[in-house]
Amino acid sequence: MDWSDIAHTLFMTVYTFTLVMVALYGLHRWSLVYLYYRHRRKAPQAAGRFEDLPRVTIQLPMYNEAAVAERIIRKTCEIEYPRQKLQIQVLDDSTDETVAIAARAVDEARARGFDIEYIHRTDRTGFKAGALENGLKTATGEFVTIFDADFIPEPEILQRSIHYFTDPDVCVVQTRWEHLNRYDSMLTRSQAIFLDGHFAIEHVARNRSQRFMSFNGTAGTWRKSAIADAGGWQHDTLTEDLDLSYRAQLRGWKFVFLPDLTAPAELPPEMQAFKVQQFRWTKGGAQVALKLLPKVLLSKAPLKVKVEAFFHLTCFMLHLFMLGLVLMIYPAMVIQSVPLESGTLWRGMFDLWIFSAATLSASVFYVASQYVLFNDWRTAVKYLPVLMAIGVGLCVSNTKAILEALLGKSSEFVRTPKYGDSKTQQADGLRKRRRDLLPYVEFALGLYMTTCAILSLMHFQSMMAAPFLVIFSFGFFYVSVLSFQAQRARRTAAEQAVALRERA
């Protein structure tokens, strides 16, 4: 065997492994859909009702949320709950005009008789987790409800969820996110479908089949004693919510998910903000997997819980495998275009079948979520190519997040910018970041995929892959171009700010 044969064998081994891993995570999506339909009728029931409602602390963590700070404080004060049983904490780490806005809103609420506390930190130690932990020092509630600054909680949210805590083993009641700006653009529509799949299918499937699920960091209520029992809020990962969720469930605490009780919030309306959010979630998920997956696998939890926890905590790896497939597509096409007697036709069909099966699983997953929530599968079908394209387009940024987590590189908790009703602030919160080189890589991969799509039409063996390659090409171009636009907006905003300061 010469070196060319060795290189060929090595490449095909790596390529096949990557393809199989993509298919394996695709099969996991099938399993979630199956679990959903098998257990969907097992809706949670409250064990009883509190004759005397317990005291609740509502925590509102925020950092430079000038566009939405006043709104969340005002909406929280509209929640229907006995005022003498309710404490509100505004946990503000802001360094901008949010400080004055939030403090003024708190003073107004206090003047109306609310038990509301304004806590401002100047060092951001632990970021959001640190703010939540700091707030617990003066929290008087037996239960703690958390809302991020861009949420608009419904007035009845506590009255409809608090009674599930009559079961002493329940530590969290999580509600479903809804989306204030779902229909604003193709990007927000796509994000909404992504999140609908997570809440409508994943959460229901895991929770009702007695597998571990996650608290989503907001729009939910914790039993304060369970937080302490699980080790409290810790800030060694960027997803403190997922971290605490698994630590609590390993201690035997139960979660309740209420898909029919919703809390509307804002979706990132521009690509760079969306990438910031996805980067944090991906890196944080990888950090939690490194921290807790060995403990889960070595625990006394049932096998079904361990298997699902493995896929749940490692699902981020799909981005790495997808980027690997993208990079290997052209060499694979070359190898599979040699004479048919080598068997490459069957190999190409096998590869396409495996990849199509994985793609179909994502399609069924998201179509099912839209049918469950809105009895509308047609819209989801229409958006499937866009969902696939955006998912692939994000794999560069998210792979960077994975590698940083695996290498132990720490990074700041970069919040997802909130814009509220203001479209003029879309660059705020991002303008201080250094120039991002990833859009150039994404654009280059878009050119690479376009070239592969053209070349695939020249050989019968690879012709069936052309539609996927076109979608991939669109995804990289879409993500990169919108990222370039966001960078330009940040530069313009920074230049305008400098000009204003000079004139002042």
Protein backbone atom coordinates (compact mmCIF):
# COMPACT_ATOMS: atom_id res chain seq x y z
CA MET A 1 0.00 0.00 0.00
CA ASP A 2 1.52 3.33 -1.08
CA TRP A 3 1.08 6.73 0.57
CA SER A 4 -1.81 7.68 -1.74
CA ASP A 5 -3.73 4.59 -0.65
CA ILE A 6 -3.03 5.37 3.01
CA ALA A 7 -4.16 8.97 2.56
CA HIS A 8 -7.29 7.80 0.73
CA THR A 9 -8.15 5.31 3.47
CA LEU A 10 -7.50 7.83 6.23
CA PHE A 11 -9.61 10.50 4.56
CA MET A 12 -12.53 8.16 3.91
CA THR A 13 -12.38 6.92 7.50
CA VAL A 14 -12.58 10.46 8.89
CA TYR A 15 -15.24 11.44 6.36
CA THR A 16 -17.36 8.37 7.09
CA PHE A 17 -17.05 8.88 10.86
CA THR A 18 -18.14 12.50 10.53
CA LEU A 19 -21.07 11.56 8.32
CA VAL A 20 -22.17 8.83 10.73
CA MET A 21 -22.00 11.25 13.69
CA VAL A 22 -24.21 13.74 11.84
CA ALA A 23 -26.65 10.91 11.15
CA LEU A 24 -26.50 9.77 14.79
CA TYR A 25 -27.52 13.18 16.10
CA GLY A 26 -30.20 13.20 13.42
CA LEU A 27 -31.54 9.92 14.80
CA HIS A 28 -31.65 11.57 18.22
CA ARG A 29 -34.00 14.19 16.78
CA TRP A 30 -36.23 11.34 15.59
CA SER A 31 -36.21 9.93 19.13
CA LEU A 32 -37.32 13.27 20.60
CA VAL A 33 -40.25 13.45 18.21
CA TYR A 34 -41.14 9.86 19.11
CA LEU A 35 -40.93 10.62 22.85
CA TYR A 36 -43.08 13.69 22.39
CA TYR A 37 -45.91 11.82 20.68
CA ARG A 38 -45.66 8.91 23.09
CA HIS A 39 -45.86 11.09 26.23
CA ARG A 40 -47.63 14.25 25.06
CA ARG A 41 -50.85 13.44 26.93
CA LYS A 42 -49.06 13.21 30.30
CA ALA A 43 -49.68 16.85 31.12
CA PRO A 44 -48.39 17.84 34.58
CA GLN A 45 -50.98 18.27 37.30
CA ALA A 46 -50.50 20.31 40.44
CA ALA A 47 -50.50 18.12 43.56
CA GLY A 48 -52.78 20.63 45.28
CA ARG A 49 -53.31 24.33 45.85
CA PHE A 50 -51.79 26.64 48.41
CA GLU A 51 -54.43 27.86 50.81
CA ASP A 52 -52.05 30.61 51.82
CA LEU A 53 -49.91 31.71 48.88
CA PRO A 54 -46.17 31.55 49.56
CA ARG A 55 -43.89 34.57 49.37
CA VAL A 56 -42.19 35.00 45.98
CA THR A 57 -39.15 37.04 45.00
CA ILE A 58 -38.99 38.16 41.37
CA GLN A 59 -35.45 38.81 40.15
CA LEU A 60 -34.82 41.01 37.11
CA PRO A 61 -31.15 40.70 36.07
CA MET A 62 -30.00 43.32 33.58
CA TYR A 63 -26.88 44.81 32.06
CA ASN A 64 -27.03 47.91 29.88
CA GLU A 65 -30.68 47.32 28.97
CA ALA A 66 -31.73 50.95 28.47
CA ALA A 67 -34.27 50.07 25.77
CA VAL A 68 -36.25 47.63 27.92
CA ALA A 69 -35.37 48.24 31.60
CA GLU A 70 -38.34 50.45 32.42
CA ARG A 71 -40.76 48.15 30.58
CA ILE A 72 -39.81 44.97 32.46
CA ILE A 73 -40.04 46.74 35.82
CA ARG A 74 -43.46 48.15 34.95
CA LYS A 75 -44.74 44.82 33.60
CA THR A 76 -43.48 42.94 36.66
CA CYS A 77 -45.49 45.30 38.87
CA GLU A 78 -48.60 44.30 36.89
CA ILE A 79 -48.28 40.61 37.85
CA GLU A 80 -51.37 39.50 39.75
CA TYR A 81 -50.11 38.34 43.13
CA PRO A 82 -50.79 39.57 46.67
CA ARG A 83 -48.55 42.59 47.11
CA GLN A 84 -47.65 41.64 50.66
CA LYS A 85 -46.41 38.28 49.35
CA LEU A 86 -44.26 39.71 46.56
CA GLN A 87 -40.72 41.06 46.53
CA ILE A 88 -39.10 42.46 43.37
CA GLN A 89 -35.33 42.71 42.93
CA VAL A 90 -33.81 44.70 40.08
CA LEU A 91 -30.30 43.24 39.75
CA ASP A 92 -28.54 45.85 37.66
CA ASP A 93 -24.89 45.52 36.61
CA SER A 94 -25.19 48.32 34.07
CA THR A 95 -22.53 50.88 33.22
CA ASP A 96 -24.65 53.16 31.02
CA GLU A 97 -27.87 55.18 31.23
CA THR A 98 -29.75 52.03 32.31
CA VAL A 99 -28.68 52.81 35.89
CA ALA A 100 -30.68 56.04 35.99
CA ILE A 101 -33.63 54.57 34.07
CA ALA A 102 -33.93 51.50 36.31
CA ALA A 103 -33.41 53.45 39.54
CA ARG A 104 -36.13 55.91 38.57
CA ALA A 105 -38.56 53.10 37.67
CA VAL A 106 -37.82 51.38 40.99
CA ASP A 107 -38.47 54.61 42.93
CA GLU A 108 -41.79 55.05 41.15
CA ALA A 109 -42.83 51.47 41.92
CA ARG A 110 -41.79 51.81 45.56
CA ALA A 111 -43.86 55.00 45.84
CA ARG A 112 -46.88 52.94 44.69
CA GLY A 113 -46.37 50.53 47.57
CA PHE A 114 -44.36 47.71 45.99
CA ASP A 115 -41.66 45.89 47.94
CA ILE A 116 -38.98 46.51 45.32
CA GLU A 117 -35.21 46.59 45.75
CA TYR A 118 -32.62 48.08 43.41
CA ILE A 119 -29.23 46.33 43.63
CA HIS A 120 -26.45 47.80 41.53
CA ARG A 121 -23.07 46.07 41.25
CA THR A 122 -19.99 47.72 39.82
CA ASP A 123 -17.73 44.71 39.15
CA ARG A 124 -19.99 42.14 37.38
CA THR A 125 -18.27 39.26 39.19
CA GLY A 126 -19.86 36.07 37.90
CA PHE A 127 -21.93 38.05 35.37
CA LYS A 128 -25.60 36.99 35.42
CA ALA A 129 -24.99 34.06 37.77
CA GLY A 130 -23.15 36.38 40.15
CA ALA A 131 -26.00 38.90 40.07
CA LEU A 132 -28.58 36.21 40.82
CA GLU A 133 -26.49 34.77 43.65
CA ASN A 134 -25.94 38.23 45.10
CA GLY A 135 -29.68 38.91 45.01
CA LEU A 136 -30.43 35.74 46.96
CA LYS A 137 -28.63 37.26 49.97
CA THR A 138 -31.56 39.60 50.54
CA ALA A 139 -34.32 37.60 48.83
CA THR A 140 -37.22 37.05 51.21
CA GLY A 141 -39.27 34.73 49.00
CA GLU A 142 -39.57 30.99 49.43
CA PHE A 143 -39.63 30.86 45.63
CA VAL A 144 -37.63 32.90 43.11
CA THR A 145 -38.97 33.86 39.68
CA ILE A 146 -36.54 35.17 37.05
CA PHE A 147 -37.25 37.35 34.03
CA ASP A 148 -34.64 38.68 31.63
CA ALA A 149 -35.07 42.33 30.74
CA ASP A 150 -36.64 41.77 27.30
CA PHE A 151 -39.52 39.61 28.58
CA ILE A 152 -43.09 40.78 29.04
CA PRO A 153 -44.63 38.43 31.63
CA GLU A 154 -48.37 37.85 31.58
CA PRO A 155 -50.17 39.13 34.70
CA GLU A 156 -51.43 35.66 35.66
CA ILE A 157 -48.12 33.83 35.24
CA LEU A 158 -47.48 33.32 38.97
CA GLN A 159 -51.05 32.43 39.86
CA ARG A 160 -51.05 29.73 37.19
CA SER A 161 -47.64 28.25 38.05
CA ILE A 162 -47.06 28.56 41.78
CA HIS A 163 -49.37 25.72 42.82
CA TYR A 164 -47.16 23.09 41.16
CA PHE A 165 -44.80 23.65 44.08
CA THR A 166 -47.27 21.97 46.40
CA ASP A 167 -45.28 18.89 45.42
CA PRO A 168 -42.25 19.22 47.73
CA ASP A 169 -39.99 17.50 45.19
CA VAL A 170 -40.55 20.12 42.48
CA CYS A 171 -37.74 22.65 42.24
CA VAL A 172 -38.51 24.45 38.96
CA VAL A 173 -41.56 25.42 36.97
CA GLN A 174 -40.51 26.55 33.48
CA THR A 175 -42.86 28.33 31.07
CA ARG A 176 -42.61 28.47 27.28
CA TRP A 177 -41.07 31.41 25.49
CA GLU A 178 -43.14 33.28 22.93
CA HIS A 179 -41.70 35.86 20.55
CA LEU A 180 -42.66 39.52 20.31
CA ASN A 181 -41.04 40.05 16.91
CA ARG A 182 -41.60 36.63 15.34
CA TYR A 183 -42.81 38.06 12.01
CA ASP A 184 -40.36 40.95 11.61
CA SER A 185 -37.95 39.29 9.18
CA MET A 186 -36.78 35.99 7.75
CA LEU A 187 -34.15 35.87 10.49
CA THR A 188 -36.61 36.30 13.35
CA ARG A 189 -39.08 33.85 11.79
CA SER A 190 -36.31 31.28 11.55
CA GLN A 191 -35.18 31.85 15.13
CA ALA A 192 -38.76 31.46 16.33
CA ILE A 193 -39.05 28.07 14.63
CA PHE A 194 -35.70 26.99 16.09
CA LEU A 195 -36.88 27.87 19.61
CA ASP A 196 -40.35 26.43 19.07
CA GLY A 197 -38.74 23.07 18.35
CA HIS A 198 -36.76 23.32 21.58
CA PHE A 199 -39.77 24.21 23.74
CA ALA A 200 -42.67 22.43 22.05
CA ILE A 201 -40.92 19.13 21.29
CA GLU A 202 -37.66 18.81 23.26
CA HIS A 203 -38.86 20.10 26.63
CA VAL A 204 -42.13 18.20 26.51
CA ALA A 205 -40.43 14.99 25.38
CA ARG A 206 -37.78 15.11 28.12
CA ASN A 207 -39.97 16.33 30.94
CA ARG A 208 -42.91 14.00 30.41
CA SER A 209 -40.72 10.94 29.78
CA GLN A 210 -38.90 11.61 33.09
CA ARG A 211 -35.59 12.56 31.54
CA PHE A 212 -33.46 15.53 32.54
CA MET A 213 -34.41 18.89 31.05
CA SER A 214 -33.00 22.39 31.47
CA PHE A 215 -34.15 25.63 33.01
CA ASN A 216 -33.88 28.31 30.33
CA GLY A 217 -32.48 31.07 32.51
CA THR A 218 -35.69 33.12 32.49
CA ALA A 219 -39.48 32.91 32.57
CA GLY A 220 -39.44 30.29 35.30
CA THR A 221 -39.57 29.89 39.06
CA TRP A 222 -37.13 28.13 41.39
CA ARG A 223 -37.62 26.81 44.90
CA LYS A 224 -34.97 28.82 46.75
CA SER A 225 -33.97 25.91 48.99
CA ALA A 226 -33.33 23.75 45.89
CA ILE A 227 -30.88 26.31 44.53
CA ALA A 228 -28.90 26.09 47.76
CA ASP A 229 -29.16 22.30 47.90
CA ALA A 230 -27.76 21.99 44.36
CA GLY A 231 -24.77 24.18 45.17
CA GLY A 232 -26.12 27.61 44.23
CA TRP A 233 -25.54 29.68 41.12
CA GLN A 234 -22.04 29.02 39.81
CA HIS A 235 -20.25 31.05 37.16
CA ASP A 236 -17.59 28.70 35.79
CA THR A 237 -19.68 28.22 32.63
CA LEU A 238 -21.52 30.64 30.34
CA THR A 239 -24.80 28.72 30.75
CA GLU A 240 -25.36 28.89 34.48
CA ASP A 241 -29.00 27.83 33.97
CA LEU A 242 -28.11 24.50 32.32
CA ASP A 243 -25.40 23.92 34.92
CA LEU A 244 -27.72 24.42 37.90
CA SER A 245 -30.49 22.41 36.21
CA TYR A 246 -28.36 19.28 35.94
CA ARG A 247 -26.89 19.66 39.42
CA ALA A 248 -30.40 19.93 40.89
CA GLN A 249 -31.74 16.93 38.98
CA LEU A 250 -28.74 14.87 40.04
CA ARG A 251 -29.83 15.68 43.61
CA GLY A 252 -33.27 14.22 42.88
CA TRP A 253 -35.27 17.41 42.30
CA LYS A 254 -38.09 17.41 39.74
CA PHE A 255 -38.86 19.88 36.96
CA VAL A 256 -42.26 20.92 35.62
CA PHE A 257 -42.64 22.39 32.14
CA LEU A 258 -45.85 24.20 31.19
CA PRO A 259 -46.01 24.62 27.39
CA ASP A 260 -49.41 26.31 27.53
CA LEU A 261 -48.17 29.09 29.81
CA THR A 262 -46.08 31.53 27.79
CA ALA A 263 -43.85 34.54 28.39
CA PRO A 264 -43.21 36.71 25.30
CA ALA A 265 -39.71 38.04 24.66
CA GLU A 266 -37.61 39.62 21.95
CA LEU A 267 -35.65 37.70 19.33
CA PRO A 268 -32.33 39.21 18.18
CA PRO A 269 -33.34 41.20 15.08
CA GLU A 270 -29.89 41.26 13.47
CA MET A 271 -27.34 38.58 12.71
CA GLN A 272 -24.45 39.68 14.91
CA ALA A 273 -26.65 39.73 18.01
CA PHE A 274 -28.00 36.28 17.08
CA LYS A 275 -24.45 34.95 16.66
CA VAL A 276 -23.45 36.40 20.05
CA GLN A 277 -26.36 34.53 21.63
CA GLN A 278 -25.62 31.26 19.84
CA PHE A 279 -21.91 31.50 20.62
CA ARG A 280 -22.62 31.89 24.33
CA TRP A 281 -25.14 29.04 24.38
CA THR A 282 -22.81 26.73 22.43
CA LYS A 283 -19.70 27.47 24.47
CA GLY A 284 -21.64 27.31 27.73
CA GLY A 285 -23.19 23.98 26.74
CA ALA A 286 -19.76 22.57 25.98
CA GLN A 287 -18.46 23.82 29.32
CA VAL A 288 -21.35 22.17 31.17
CA ALA A 289 -20.76 18.91 29.31
CA LEU A 290 -17.10 18.89 30.36
CA LYS A 291 -18.09 19.74 33.93
CA LEU A 292 -21.10 17.50 34.54
CA LEU A 293 -21.42 14.76 31.90
CA PRO A 294 -18.98 12.41 33.69
CA LYS A 295 -20.97 12.88 36.91
CA VAL A 296 -24.22 12.11 35.10
CA LEU A 297 -22.81 8.97 33.46
CA LEU A 298 -21.39 7.73 36.77
CA SER A 299 -24.54 8.55 38.73
CA LYS A 300 -27.34 6.17 39.73
CA ALA A 301 -29.71 7.77 37.23
CA PRO A 302 -31.62 5.35 34.94
CA LEU A 303 -29.97 4.41 31.65
CA LYS A 304 -32.58 6.31 29.63
CA VAL A 305 -31.69 9.48 31.55
CA LYS A 306 -27.96 8.99 30.93
CA VAL A 307 -28.42 8.37 27.20
CA GLU A 308 -30.60 11.44 26.77
CA ALA A 309 -28.27 13.54 28.91
CA PHE A 310 -25.35 12.52 26.70
CA PHE A 311 -27.09 13.74 23.55
CA HIS A 312 -28.50 16.80 25.31
CA LEU A 313 -25.15 17.95 26.69
CA THR A 314 -23.15 17.13 23.54
CA CYS A 315 -25.61 18.34 20.89
CA PHE A 316 -23.29 21.29 20.23
CA MET A 317 -20.84 18.86 18.59
CA LEU A 318 -23.10 18.78 15.55
CA HIS A 319 -21.70 22.20 14.56
CA LEU A 320 -18.17 20.79 14.56
CA PHE A 321 -19.19 17.75 12.52
CA MET A 322 -21.10 19.91 10.03
CA LEU A 323 -18.09 22.16 9.50
CA GLY A 324 -15.95 19.05 9.01
CA LEU A 325 -18.34 17.77 6.35
CA VAL A 326 -18.36 21.13 4.60
CA LEU A 327 -14.56 21.19 4.43
CA MET A 328 -14.38 17.60 3.19
CA ILE A 329 -17.10 17.85 0.55
CA TYR A 330 -14.82 18.71 -2.38
CA PRO A 331 -12.23 15.95 -1.73
CA ALA A 332 -15.09 13.49 -1.28
CA MET A 333 -16.58 14.56 -4.61
CA VAL A 334 -13.22 14.07 -6.35
CA ILE A 335 -12.73 10.62 -4.84
CA GLN A 336 -16.25 9.58 -5.79
CA SER A 337 -15.90 10.72 -9.40
CA VAL A 338 -13.42 8.00 -10.38
CA PRO A 339 -14.64 5.18 -12.68
CA LEU A 340 -17.81 3.44 -11.59
CA GLU A 341 -16.23 0.04 -11.30
CA SER A 342 -14.57 1.18 -8.09
CA GLY A 343 -17.95 1.23 -6.44
CA THR A 344 -18.04 4.98 -5.90
CA LEU A 345 -21.60 5.27 -7.24
CA TRP A 346 -22.93 3.13 -4.43
CA ARG A 347 -20.71 4.93 -1.94
CA GLY A 348 -22.02 8.31 -3.11
CA MET A 349 -25.62 7.12 -2.86
CA PHE A 350 -24.94 5.77 0.63
CA ASP A 351 -23.45 9.09 1.74
CA LEU A 352 -26.37 11.02 0.32
CA TRP A 353 -28.88 8.67 1.94
CA ILE A 354 -27.24 9.05 5.36
CA PHE A 355 -27.13 12.83 5.07
CA SER A 356 -30.71 13.00 3.78
CA ALA A 357 -31.93 10.91 6.70
CA ALA A 358 -30.27 13.32 9.13
CA THR A 359 -31.75 16.30 7.29
CA LEU A 360 -35.19 14.74 7.23
CA SER A 361 -35.08 14.28 11.01
CA ALA A 362 -34.57 18.02 11.51
CA SER A 363 -37.38 18.70 9.06
CA VAL A 364 -39.81 16.45 10.93
CA PHE A 365 -38.70 17.96 14.24
CA TYR A 366 -39.45 21.57 13.27
CA VAL A 367 -42.57 20.79 11.26
CA ALA A 368 -43.94 18.90 14.26
CA SER A 369 -43.33 21.89 16.54
CA GLN A 370 -45.26 24.25 14.26
CA TYR A 371 -48.11 21.78 13.92
CA VAL A 372 -48.27 21.30 17.69
CA LEU A 373 -48.27 25.03 18.46
CA PHE A 374 -50.18 26.52 15.53
CA ASN A 375 -51.68 23.59 13.61
CA ASP A 376 -49.62 24.92 10.70
CA TRP A 377 -47.07 22.65 9.05
CA ARG A 378 -46.96 24.49 5.72
CA THR A 379 -45.07 27.50 7.05
CA ALA A 380 -42.45 25.25 8.61
CA VAL A 381 -42.02 23.33 5.36
CA LYS A 382 -41.56 26.60 3.49
CA TYR A 383 -38.83 27.69 5.90
CA LEU A 384 -36.96 24.37 6.05
CA PRO A 385 -34.30 25.36 3.48
CA VAL A 386 -33.73 28.62 5.37
CA LEU A 387 -33.43 26.79 8.69
CA MET A 388 -30.91 24.39 7.19
CA ALA A 389 -28.98 27.24 5.59
CA ILE A 390 -28.76 29.31 8.79
CA GLY A 391 -27.80 26.26 10.83
CA VAL A 392 -24.93 25.50 8.48
CA GLY A 393 -23.96 29.16 8.22
CA LEU A 394 -23.53 29.37 12.00
CA CYS A 395 -21.24 26.34 12.20
CA VAL A 396 -18.05 28.42 11.88
CA SER A 397 -18.86 30.71 14.81
CA ASN A 398 -20.20 27.86 16.92
CA THR A 399 -17.19 25.64 16.18
CA LYS A 400 -15.00 28.45 17.50
CA ALA A 401 -17.13 28.41 20.66
CA ILE A 402 -16.65 24.65 21.03
CA LEU A 403 -12.88 24.84 20.57
CA GLU A 404 -12.61 27.65 23.13
CA ALA A 405 -14.52 25.51 25.64
CA LEU A 406 -12.42 22.41 24.95
CA LEU A 407 -9.22 24.44 25.31
CA GLY A 408 -10.41 25.98 28.57
CA LYS A 409 -10.34 29.53 27.23
CA SER A 410 -12.41 31.79 29.46
CA SER A 411 -14.45 34.65 28.03
CA GLU A 412 -16.75 37.38 29.18
CA PHE A 413 -20.49 36.78 29.39
CA VAL A 414 -21.55 38.86 26.38
CA ARG A 415 -25.25 39.55 26.75
CA THR A 416 -27.61 39.40 23.79
CA PRO A 417 -28.40 43.05 22.96
CA LYS A 418 -32.01 44.07 23.59
CA TYR A 419 -33.55 46.68 21.32
CA GLY A 420 -37.09 47.07 22.61
CA ASP A 421 -39.04 49.36 20.31
CA SER A 422 -35.94 51.25 19.17
CA LYS A 423 -34.33 50.31 15.85
CA THR A 424 -31.65 52.96 16.28
CA GLN A 425 -29.90 51.01 19.00
CA GLN A 426 -29.16 47.89 17.01
CA ALA A 427 -25.42 48.43 17.21
CA ASP A 428 -25.44 49.16 20.94
CA GLY A 429 -23.84 46.50 23.10
CA LEU A 430 -21.78 45.17 20.21
CA ARG A 431 -19.81 48.22 19.09
CA LYS A 432 -17.05 47.71 21.65
CA ARG A 433 -16.12 44.30 20.28
CA ARG A 434 -13.05 43.94 18.11
CA ARG A 435 -13.41 43.49 14.38
CA ASP A 436 -14.73 39.99 13.81
CA LEU A 437 -12.88 38.00 11.15
CA LEU A 438 -15.38 35.14 11.10
CA PRO A 439 -17.65 36.73 8.45
CA TYR A 440 -14.71 36.65 6.02
CA VAL A 441 -14.29 32.92 6.69
CA GLU A 442 -18.04 32.38 6.26
CA PHE A 443 -18.05 34.30 2.98
CA ALA A 444 -15.09 32.25 1.72
CA LEU A 445 -16.96 29.05 2.58
CA GLY A 446 -19.94 30.40 0.65
CA LEU A 447 -17.69 30.71 -2.42
CA TYR A 448 -16.32 27.22 -1.77
CA MET A 449 -19.84 25.74 -1.57
CA THR A 450 -20.85 27.55 -4.77
CA THR A 451 -17.86 26.05 -6.55
CA CYS A 452 -18.72 22.58 -5.23
CA ALA A 453 -22.34 22.99 -6.36
CA ILE A 454 -21.20 23.80 -9.89
CA LEU A 455 -18.70 20.93 -9.96
CA SER A 456 -21.31 18.50 -8.64
CA LEU A 457 -23.35 19.01 -11.81
CA MET A 458 -20.48 17.65 -13.89
CA HIS A 459 -20.63 14.14 -12.46
CA PHE A 460 -23.68 11.91 -12.16
CA GLN A 461 -22.42 10.46 -8.89
CA SER A 462 -22.51 13.83 -7.12
CA MET A 463 -25.37 15.51 -8.99
CA MET A 464 -27.93 14.63 -6.32
CA ALA A 465 -25.92 16.58 -3.74
CA ALA A 466 -26.30 19.85 -5.68
CA PRO A 467 -29.46 21.06 -3.85
CA PHE A 468 -27.76 20.66 -0.47
CA LEU A 469 -24.65 22.46 -1.69
CA VAL A 470 -26.73 25.38 -2.96
CA ILE A 471 -28.47 25.64 0.43
CA PHE A 472 -25.11 25.54 2.21
CA SER A 473 -23.78 28.23 -0.08
CA PHE A 474 -26.78 30.45 0.62
CA GLY A 475 -26.38 29.89 4.37
CA PHE A 476 -22.76 31.01 4.47
CA PHE A 477 -23.47 34.03 2.27
CA TYR A 478 -26.55 34.99 4.30
CA VAL A 479 -24.80 34.78 7.66
CA SER A 480 -21.66 36.55 6.45
CA VAL A 481 -23.39 39.39 4.59
CA LEU A 482 -25.70 40.18 7.51
CA SER A 483 -22.67 40.07 9.81
CA PHE A 484 -20.85 42.56 7.57
CA GLN A 485 -23.90 44.83 7.73
CA ALA A 486 -23.89 44.67 11.53
CA GLN A 487 -20.18 45.50 11.62
CA ARG A 488 -20.76 48.51 9.41
CA ALA A 489 -23.63 49.64 11.64
CA ARG A 490 -21.39 49.40 14.71
CA ARG A 491 -18.66 51.44 13.05
CA THR A 492 -21.17 54.09 11.99
CA ALA A 493 -22.63 54.26 15.49
CA ALA A 494 -19.16 54.55 17.02
CA GLU A 495 -18.20 57.33 14.60
CA GLN A 496 -21.40 59.21 15.38
CA ALA A 497 -20.75 58.88 19.11
CA VAL A 498 -17.23 60.28 18.68
CA ALA A 499 -18.55 63.15 16.59
CA LEU A 500 -21.16 64.00 19.23
CA ARG A 501 -18.53 64.00 21.97
CA GLU A 502 -16.26 66.25 19.92
CA ARG A 503 -19.08 68.72 19.28
CA ALA A 504 -19.96 68.69 22.97
